[in-house]
Amino acid sequence: AMFVVLSALILRPVGFKYRSKRESTAWRN
C-alpha cells in the first residue's frame, strides 16, 4: 500500500515540472 502511495506521490513533482514543457494538448492533459 505504501508502494502505491509513493508511486502516486512521485507523479506530482514530475507532473509539475514536465506539464508545461510542450504545447501539445494531449501531453498536458
PDB file of all heavy atoms in Angstrom:
ATOM      1  N   ALA A   1       0.836  -1.203   0.000  1.00  0.00           N
ATOM      2  CA  ALA A   1       0.000   0.000   0.000  1.00  0.00           C
ATOM      3  C   ALA A   1       0.870   1.251   0.000  1.00  0.00           C
ATOM      4  O   ALA A   1       0.582   2.225  -0.716  1.00  0.00           O
ATOM      5  CB  ALA A   1      -0.919  -0.005   1.211  1.00  0.00           C
ATOM      6  N   MET A   2       1.949   1.230   0.773  1.00  0.00           N
ATOM      7  CA  MET A   2       2.861   2.377   0.793  1.00  0.00           C
ATOM      8  C   MET A   2       3.561   2.546  -0.547  1.00  0.00           C
ATOM      9  O   MET A   2       3.811   3.669  -0.993  1.00  0.00           O
ATOM     10  CB  MET A   2       3.893   2.203   1.910  1.00  0.00           C
ATOM     11  CG  MET A   2       3.308   2.320   3.300  1.00  0.00           C
ATOM     12  SD  MET A   2       4.540   2.149   4.589  1.00  0.00           S
ATOM     13  CE  MET A   2       3.514   2.319   6.046  1.00  0.00           C
ATOM     14  N   PHE A   3       3.863   1.426  -1.205  1.00  0.00           N
ATOM     15  CA  PHE A   3       4.488   1.497  -2.531  1.00  0.00           C
ATOM     16  C   PHE A   3       3.552   2.184  -3.517  1.00  0.00           C
ATOM     17  O   PHE A   3       3.978   3.010  -4.334  1.00  0.00           O
ATOM     18  CB  PHE A   3       4.840   0.085  -3.011  1.00  0.00           C
ATOM     19  CG  PHE A   3       5.518   0.051  -4.349  1.00  0.00           C
ATOM     20  CD1 PHE A   3       6.879   0.264  -4.456  1.00  0.00           C
ATOM     21  CD2 PHE A   3       4.789  -0.189  -5.502  1.00  0.00           C
ATOM     22  CE1 PHE A   3       7.511   0.239  -5.699  1.00  0.00           C
ATOM     23  CE2 PHE A   3       5.406  -0.215  -6.741  1.00  0.00           C
ATOM     24  CZ  PHE A   3       6.773   0.000  -6.837  1.00  0.00           C
ATOM     25  N   VAL A   4       2.256   1.858  -3.443  1.00  0.00           N
ATOM     26  CA  VAL A   4       1.274   2.502  -4.317  1.00  0.00           C
ATOM     27  C   VAL A   4       1.206   4.000  -4.015  1.00  0.00           C
ATOM     28  O   VAL A   4       1.157   4.832  -4.929  1.00  0.00           O
ATOM     29  CB  VAL A   4      -0.105   1.845  -4.145  1.00  0.00           C
ATOM     30  CG1 VAL A   4      -1.172   2.611  -4.929  1.00  0.00           C
ATOM     31  CG2 VAL A   4      -0.069   0.393  -4.604  1.00  0.00           C
ATOM     32  N   VAL A   5       1.191   4.354  -2.727  1.00  0.00           N
ATOM     33  CA  VAL A   5       1.139   5.767  -2.339  1.00  0.00           C
ATOM     34  C   VAL A   5       2.352   6.521  -2.867  1.00  0.00           C
ATOM     35  O   VAL A   5       2.240   7.604  -3.448  1.00  0.00           O
ATOM     36  CB  VAL A   5       1.047   5.904  -0.810  1.00  0.00           C
ATOM     37  CG1 VAL A   5       1.278   7.356  -0.379  1.00  0.00           C
ATOM     38  CG2 VAL A   5      -0.311   5.441  -0.318  1.00  0.00           C
ATOM     39  N   LEU A   6       3.533   5.960  -2.650  1.00  0.00           N
ATOM     40  CA  LEU A   6       4.756   6.640  -3.090  1.00  0.00           C
ATOM     41  C   LEU A   6       4.796   6.753  -4.613  1.00  0.00           C
ATOM     42  O   LEU A   6       5.245   7.776  -5.150  1.00  0.00           O
ATOM     43  CB  LEU A   6       5.986   5.889  -2.572  1.00  0.00           C
ATOM     44  CG  LEU A   6       6.222   5.960  -1.061  1.00  0.00           C
ATOM     45  CD1 LEU A   6       7.425   5.101  -0.671  1.00  0.00           C
ATOM     46  CD2 LEU A   6       6.452   7.399  -0.615  1.00  0.00           C
ATOM     47  N   SER A   7       4.324   5.731  -5.305  1.00  0.00           N
ATOM     48  CA  SER A   7       4.286   5.799  -6.768  1.00  0.00           C
ATOM     49  C   SER A   7       3.383   6.936  -7.229  1.00  0.00           C
ATOM     50  O   SER A   7       3.708   7.678  -8.168  1.00  0.00           O
ATOM     51  CB  SER A   7       3.788   4.474  -7.352  1.00  0.00           C
ATOM     52  OG  SER A   7       4.674   3.413  -7.015  1.00  0.00           O
ATOM     53  N   ALA A   8       2.249   7.089  -6.554  1.00  0.00           N
ATOM     54  CA  ALA A   8       1.332   8.172  -6.901  1.00  0.00           C
ATOM     55  C   ALA A   8       1.930   9.532  -6.559  1.00  0.00           C
ATOM     56  O   ALA A   8       1.816  10.494  -7.315  1.00  0.00           O
ATOM     57  CB  ALA A   8      -0.004   7.983  -6.180  1.00  0.00           C
ATOM     58  N   LEU A   9       2.584   9.616  -5.391  1.00  0.00           N
ATOM     59  CA  LEU A   9       3.185  10.884  -4.981  1.00  0.00           C
ATOM     60  C   LEU A   9       4.312  11.309  -5.928  1.00  0.00           C
ATOM     61  O   LEU A   9       4.526  12.505  -6.143  1.00  0.00           O
ATOM     62  CB  LEU A   9       3.719  10.783  -3.549  1.00  0.00           C
ATOM     63  CG  LEU A   9       2.670  10.723  -2.437  1.00  0.00           C
ATOM     64  CD1 LEU A   9       3.347  10.522  -1.086  1.00  0.00           C
ATOM     65  CD2 LEU A   9       1.818  11.996  -2.411  1.00  0.00           C
ATOM     66  N   ILE A  10       5.012  10.338  -6.494  1.00  0.00           N
ATOM     67  CA  ILE A  10       6.103  10.659  -7.423  1.00  0.00           C
ATOM     68  C   ILE A  10       5.563  11.346  -8.678  1.00  0.00           C
ATOM     69  O   ILE A  10       6.268  12.146  -9.311  1.00  0.00           O
ATOM     70  CB  ILE A  10       6.883   9.370  -7.781  1.00  0.00           C
ATOM     71  CG1 ILE A  10       7.714   8.915  -6.580  1.00  0.00           C
ATOM     72  CG2 ILE A  10       7.789   9.592  -8.989  1.00  0.00           C
ATOM     73  CD1 ILE A  10       8.359   7.550  -6.749  1.00  0.00           C
ATOM     74  N   LEU A  11       4.303  11.067  -9.017  1.00  0.00           N
ATOM     75  CA  LEU A  11       3.715  11.706 -10.198  1.00  0.00           C
ATOM     76  C   LEU A  11       3.582  13.214 -10.023  1.00  0.00           C
ATOM     77  O   LEU A  11       3.547  13.954 -11.012  1.00  0.00           O
ATOM     78  CB  LEU A  11       2.339  11.096 -10.495  1.00  0.00           C
ATOM     79  CG  LEU A  11       2.313   9.643 -10.967  1.00  0.00           C
ATOM     80  CD1 LEU A  11       0.874   9.160 -11.094  1.00  0.00           C
ATOM     81  CD2 LEU A  11       3.040   9.504 -12.296  1.00  0.00           C
ATOM     82  N   ARG A  12       3.510  13.676  -8.789  1.00  0.00           N
ATOM     83  CA  ARG A  12       3.301  15.112  -8.575  1.00  0.00           C
ATOM     84  C   ARG A  12       4.482  15.958  -9.032  1.00  0.00           C
ATOM     85  O   ARG A  12       4.306  16.871  -9.856  1.00  0.00           O
ATOM     86  CB  ARG A  12       2.969  15.389  -7.106  1.00  0.00           C
ATOM     87  CG  ARG A  12       1.589  14.918  -6.705  1.00  0.00           C
ATOM     88  CD  ARG A  12       1.113  15.615  -5.465  1.00  0.00           C
ATOM     89  NE  ARG A  12       1.991  15.352  -4.337  1.00  0.00           N
ATOM     90  CZ  ARG A  12       1.845  15.943  -3.146  1.00  0.00           C
ATOM     91  NH1 ARG A  12       0.902  16.835  -2.949  1.00  0.00           N
ATOM     92  NH2 ARG A  12       2.655  15.639  -2.148  1.00  0.00           N
ATOM     93  N   PRO A  13       5.695  15.714  -8.522  1.00  0.00           N
ATOM     94  CA  PRO A  13       6.803  16.555  -8.984  1.00  0.00           C
ATOM     95  C   PRO A  13       7.060  16.424 -10.479  1.00  0.00           C
ATOM     96  O   PRO A  13       7.381  17.413 -11.148  1.00  0.00           O
ATOM     97  CB  PRO A  13       8.001  16.054  -8.165  1.00  0.00           C
ATOM     98  CG  PRO A  13       7.629  14.685  -7.716  1.00  0.00           C
ATOM     99  CD  PRO A  13       6.151  14.740  -7.508  1.00  0.00           C
ATOM    100  N   VAL A  14       6.897  15.208 -11.010  1.00  0.00           N
ATOM    101  CA  VAL A  14       7.097  15.016 -12.441  1.00  0.00           C
ATOM    102  C   VAL A  14       6.043  15.796 -13.225  1.00  0.00           C
ATOM    103  O   VAL A  14       6.343  16.472 -14.218  1.00  0.00           O
ATOM    104  CB  VAL A  14       7.047  13.518 -12.803  1.00  0.00           C
ATOM    105  CG1 VAL A  14       7.259  13.326 -14.291  1.00  0.00           C
ATOM    106  CG2 VAL A  14       8.100  12.744 -12.018  1.00  0.00           C
ATOM    107  N   GLY A  15       4.794  15.716 -12.764  1.00  0.00           N
ATOM    108  CA  GLY A  15       3.725  16.433 -13.435  1.00  0.00           C
ATOM    109  C   GLY A  15       3.919  17.937 -13.390  1.00  0.00           C
ATOM    110  O   GLY A  15       3.736  18.636 -14.394  1.00  0.00           O
ATOM    111  N   PHE A  16       4.307  18.462 -12.231  1.00  0.00           N
ATOM    112  CA  PHE A  16       4.538  19.900 -12.100  1.00  0.00           C
ATOM    113  C   PHE A  16       5.654  20.374 -13.041  1.00  0.00           C
ATOM    114  O   PHE A  16       5.551  21.430 -13.664  1.00  0.00           O
ATOM    115  CB  PHE A  16       4.905  20.253 -10.656  1.00  0.00           C
ATOM    116  CG  PHE A  16       3.740  20.260  -9.719  1.00  0.00           C
ATOM    117  CD1 PHE A  16       3.831  19.660  -8.466  1.00  0.00           C
ATOM    118  CD2 PHE A  16       2.544  20.863 -10.072  1.00  0.00           C
ATOM    119  CE1 PHE A  16       2.756  19.671  -7.597  1.00  0.00           C
ATOM    120  CE2 PHE A  16       1.457  20.878  -9.200  1.00  0.00           C
ATOM    121  CZ  PHE A  16       1.573  20.280  -7.958  1.00  0.00           C
ATOM    122  N   LYS A  17       6.713  19.600 -13.125  1.00  0.00           N
ATOM    123  CA  LYS A  17       7.883  20.030 -13.883  1.00  0.00           C
ATOM    124  C   LYS A  17       7.726  19.851 -15.389  1.00  0.00           C
ATOM    125  O   LYS A  17       8.234  20.666 -16.172  1.00  0.00           O
ATOM    126  CB  LYS A  17       9.126  19.249 -13.409  1.00  0.00           C
ATOM    127  CG  LYS A  17       9.488  19.472 -11.948  1.00  0.00           C
ATOM    128  CD  LYS A  17       9.841  20.937 -11.675  1.00  0.00           C
ATOM    129  CE  LYS A  17      10.258  21.126 -10.217  1.00  0.00           C
ATOM    130  NZ  LYS A  17      10.545  22.552  -9.921  1.00  0.00           N
ATOM    131  N   TYR A  18       7.042  18.791 -15.814  1.00  0.00           N
ATOM    132  CA  TYR A  18       7.003  18.459 -17.237  1.00  0.00           C
ATOM    133  C   TYR A  18       5.744  18.928 -17.958  1.00  0.00           C
ATOM    134  O   TYR A  18       5.720  18.986 -19.190  1.00  0.00           O
ATOM    135  CB  TYR A  18       7.149  16.943 -17.426  1.00  0.00           C
ATOM    136  CG  TYR A  18       8.569  16.463 -17.264  1.00  0.00           C
ATOM    137  CD1 TYR A  18       9.005  15.954 -16.046  1.00  0.00           C
ATOM    138  CD2 TYR A  18       9.470  16.527 -18.317  1.00  0.00           C
ATOM    139  CE1 TYR A  18      10.313  15.528 -15.879  1.00  0.00           C
ATOM    140  CE2 TYR A  18      10.771  16.104 -18.162  1.00  0.00           C
ATOM    141  CZ  TYR A  18      11.193  15.604 -16.935  1.00  0.00           C
ATOM    142  OH  TYR A  18      12.485  15.192 -16.767  1.00  0.00           O
ATOM    143  N   ARG A  19       4.693  19.257 -17.218  1.00  0.00           N
ATOM    144  CA  ARG A  19       3.429  19.574 -17.859  1.00  0.00           C
ATOM    145  C   ARG A  19       3.553  20.685 -18.895  1.00  0.00           C
ATOM    146  O   ARG A  19       2.998  20.601 -20.000  1.00  0.00           O
ATOM    147  CB  ARG A  19       2.401  19.980 -16.802  1.00  0.00           C
ATOM    148  CG  ARG A  19       1.041  20.286 -17.387  1.00  0.00           C
ATOM    149  CD  ARG A  19       0.120  20.958 -16.398  1.00  0.00           C
ATOM    150  NE  ARG A  19      -1.204  21.131 -16.984  1.00  0.00           N
ATOM    151  CZ  ARG A  19      -1.528  22.125 -17.795  1.00  0.00           C
ATOM    152  NH1 ARG A  19      -0.600  23.037 -18.124  1.00  0.00           N
ATOM    153  NH2 ARG A  19      -2.741  22.219 -18.288  1.00  0.00           N
ATOM    154  N   SER A  20       4.266  21.739 -18.570  1.00  0.00           N
ATOM    155  CA  SER A  20       4.338  22.918 -19.446  1.00  0.00           C
ATOM    156  C   SER A  20       5.511  22.887 -20.422  1.00  0.00           C
ATOM    157  O   SER A  20       5.792  23.886 -21.088  1.00  0.00           O
ATOM    158  CB  SER A  20       4.406  24.188 -18.597  1.00  0.00           C
ATOM    159  OG  SER A  20       3.241  24.331 -17.824  1.00  0.00           O
ATOM    160  N   LYS A  21       6.186  21.750 -20.516  1.00  0.00           N
ATOM    161  CA  LYS A  21       7.354  21.675 -21.396  1.00  0.00           C
ATOM    162  C   LYS A  21       6.971  21.572 -22.874  1.00  0.00           C
ATOM    163  O   LYS A  21       7.792  21.850 -23.740  1.00  0.00           O
ATOM    164  CB  LYS A  21       8.230  20.466 -21.013  1.00  0.00           C
ATOM    165  CG  LYS A  21       8.789  20.518 -19.600  1.00  0.00           C
ATOM    166  CD  LYS A  21       9.677  21.734 -19.378  1.00  0.00           C
ATOM    167  CE  LYS A  21      10.286  21.715 -17.975  1.00  0.00           C
ATOM    168  NZ  LYS A  21      11.099  22.930 -17.729  1.00  0.00           N
ATOM    169  N   ARG A  22       5.719  21.150 -23.145  1.00  0.00           N
ATOM    170  CA  ARG A  22       5.267  21.053 -24.529  1.00  0.00           C
ATOM    171  C   ARG A  22       3.890  21.692 -24.642  1.00  0.00           C
ATOM    172  O   ARG A  22       3.104  21.695 -23.693  1.00  0.00           O
ATOM    173  CB  ARG A  22       5.193  19.591 -24.980  1.00  0.00           C
ATOM    174  CG  ARG A  22       6.542  18.888 -25.055  1.00  0.00           C
ATOM    175  CD  ARG A  22       6.392  17.436 -25.451  1.00  0.00           C
ATOM    176  NE  ARG A  22       5.736  17.294 -26.745  1.00  0.00           N
ATOM    177  CZ  ARG A  22       5.380  16.118 -27.276  1.00  0.00           C
ATOM    178  NH1 ARG A  22       5.611  15.005 -26.610  1.00  0.00           N
ATOM    179  NH2 ARG A  22       4.792  16.065 -28.455  1.00  0.00           N
ATOM    180  N   GLU A  23       3.582  22.220 -25.829  1.00  0.00           N
ATOM    181  CA  GLU A  23       2.301  22.875 -26.057  1.00  0.00           C
ATOM    182  C   GLU A  23       1.188  21.885 -26.380  1.00  0.00           C
ATOM    183  O   GLU A  23       0.017  22.249 -26.411  1.00  0.00           O
ATOM    184  CB  GLU A  23       2.435  23.882 -27.209  1.00  0.00           C
ATOM    185  CG  GLU A  23       3.394  25.023 -26.934  1.00  0.00           C
ATOM    186  CD  GLU A  23       2.862  25.976 -25.882  1.00  0.00           C
ATOM    187  OE1 GLU A  23       1.629  25.982 -25.651  1.00  0.00           O
ATOM    188  OE2 GLU A  23       3.662  26.714 -25.289  1.00  0.00           O
ATOM    189  N   SER A  24       1.545  20.634 -26.621  1.00  0.00           N
ATOM    190  CA  SER A  24       0.570  19.627 -27.019  1.00  0.00           C
ATOM    191  C   SER A  24      -0.557  19.491 -25.998  1.00  0.00           C
ATOM    192  O   SER A  24      -0.315  19.333 -24.801  1.00  0.00           O
ATOM    193  CB  SER A  24       1.263  18.275 -27.208  1.00  0.00           C
ATOM    194  OG  SER A  24       0.325  17.234 -27.312  1.00  0.00           O
ATOM    195  N   THR A  25      -1.800  19.523 -26.491  1.00  0.00           N
ATOM    196  CA  THR A  25      -2.957  19.361 -25.609  1.00  0.00           C
ATOM    197  C   THR A  25      -2.983  17.975 -24.979  1.00  0.00           C
ATOM    198  O   THR A  25      -3.266  17.823 -23.787  1.00  0.00           O
ATOM    199  CB  THR A  25      -4.259  19.591 -26.400  1.00  0.00           C
ATOM    200  OG1 THR A  25      -4.257  20.917 -26.935  1.00  0.00           O
ATOM    201  CG2 THR A  25      -5.473  19.409 -25.506  1.00  0.00           C
ATOM    202  N   ALA A  26      -2.685  16.949 -25.773  1.00  0.00           N
ATOM    203  CA  ALA A  26      -2.670  15.583 -25.252  1.00  0.00           C
ATOM    204  C   ALA A  26      -1.609  15.425 -24.167  1.00  0.00           C
ATOM    205  O   ALA A  26      -1.835  14.761 -23.145  1.00  0.00           O
ATOM    206  CB  ALA A  26      -2.418  14.593 -26.387  1.00  0.00           C
ATOM    207  N   TRP A  27      -0.442  16.018 -24.410  1.00  0.00           N
ATOM    208  CA  TRP A  27       0.647  15.970 -23.427  1.00  0.00           C
ATOM    209  C   TRP A  27       0.201  16.580 -22.099  1.00  0.00           C
ATOM    210  O   TRP A  27       0.352  15.975 -21.036  1.00  0.00           O
ATOM    211  CB  TRP A  27       1.858  16.708 -23.981  1.00  0.00           C
ATOM    212  CG  TRP A  27       2.992  16.946 -23.032  1.00  0.00           C
ATOM    213  CD1 TRP A  27       3.158  18.035 -22.233  1.00  0.00           C
ATOM    214  CD2 TRP A  27       4.110  16.086 -22.783  1.00  0.00           C
ATOM    215  NE1 TRP A  27       4.317  17.921 -21.495  1.00  0.00           N
ATOM    216  CE2 TRP A  27       4.917  16.731 -21.821  1.00  0.00           C
ATOM    217  CE3 TRP A  27       4.510  14.850 -23.289  1.00  0.00           C
ATOM    218  CZ2 TRP A  27       6.101  16.177 -21.347  1.00  0.00           C
ATOM    219  CZ3 TRP A  27       5.691  14.288 -22.824  1.00  0.00           C
ATOM    220  CH2 TRP A  27       6.470  14.945 -21.869  1.00  0.00           C
ATOM    221  N   ARG A  28      -0.366  17.756 -22.154  1.00  0.00           N
ATOM    222  CA  ARG A  28      -0.755  18.457 -20.922  1.00  0.00           C
ATOM    223  C   ARG A  28      -1.927  17.769 -20.222  1.00  0.00           C
ATOM    224  O   ARG A  28      -1.953  17.682 -18.994  1.00  0.00           O
ATOM    225  CB  ARG A  28      -1.087  19.914 -21.241  1.00  0.00           C
ATOM    226  CG  ARG A  28       0.143  20.683 -21.694  1.00  0.00           C
ATOM    227  CD  ARG A  28      -0.092  22.177 -21.787  1.00  0.00           C
ATOM    228  NE  ARG A  28       1.159  22.877 -22.076  1.00  0.00           N
ATOM    229  CZ  ARG A  28       1.299  24.196 -22.078  1.00  0.00           C
ATOM    230  NH1 ARG A  28       0.252  24.977 -21.793  1.00  0.00           N
ATOM    231  NH2 ARG A  28       2.472  24.743 -22.337  1.00  0.00           N
ATOM    232  N   ASN A  29      -2.878  17.259 -21.001  1.00  0.00           N
ATOM    233  CA  ASN A  29      -3.996  16.537 -20.395  1.00  0.00           C
ATOM    234  C   ASN A  29      -3.525  15.279 -19.668  1.00  0.00           C
ATOM    235  O   ASN A  29      -4.046  14.926 -18.604  1.00  0.00           O
ATOM    236  CB  ASN A  29      -5.035  16.168 -21.453  1.00  0.00           C
ATOM    237  CG  ASN A  29      -5.835  17.360 -21.927  1.00  0.00           C
ATOM    238  OD1 ASN A  29      -5.881  18.393 -21.256  1.00  0.00           O
ATOM    239  ND2 ASN A  29      -6.475  17.231 -23.082  1.00  0.00           N
TER     240      ASN A  29
END
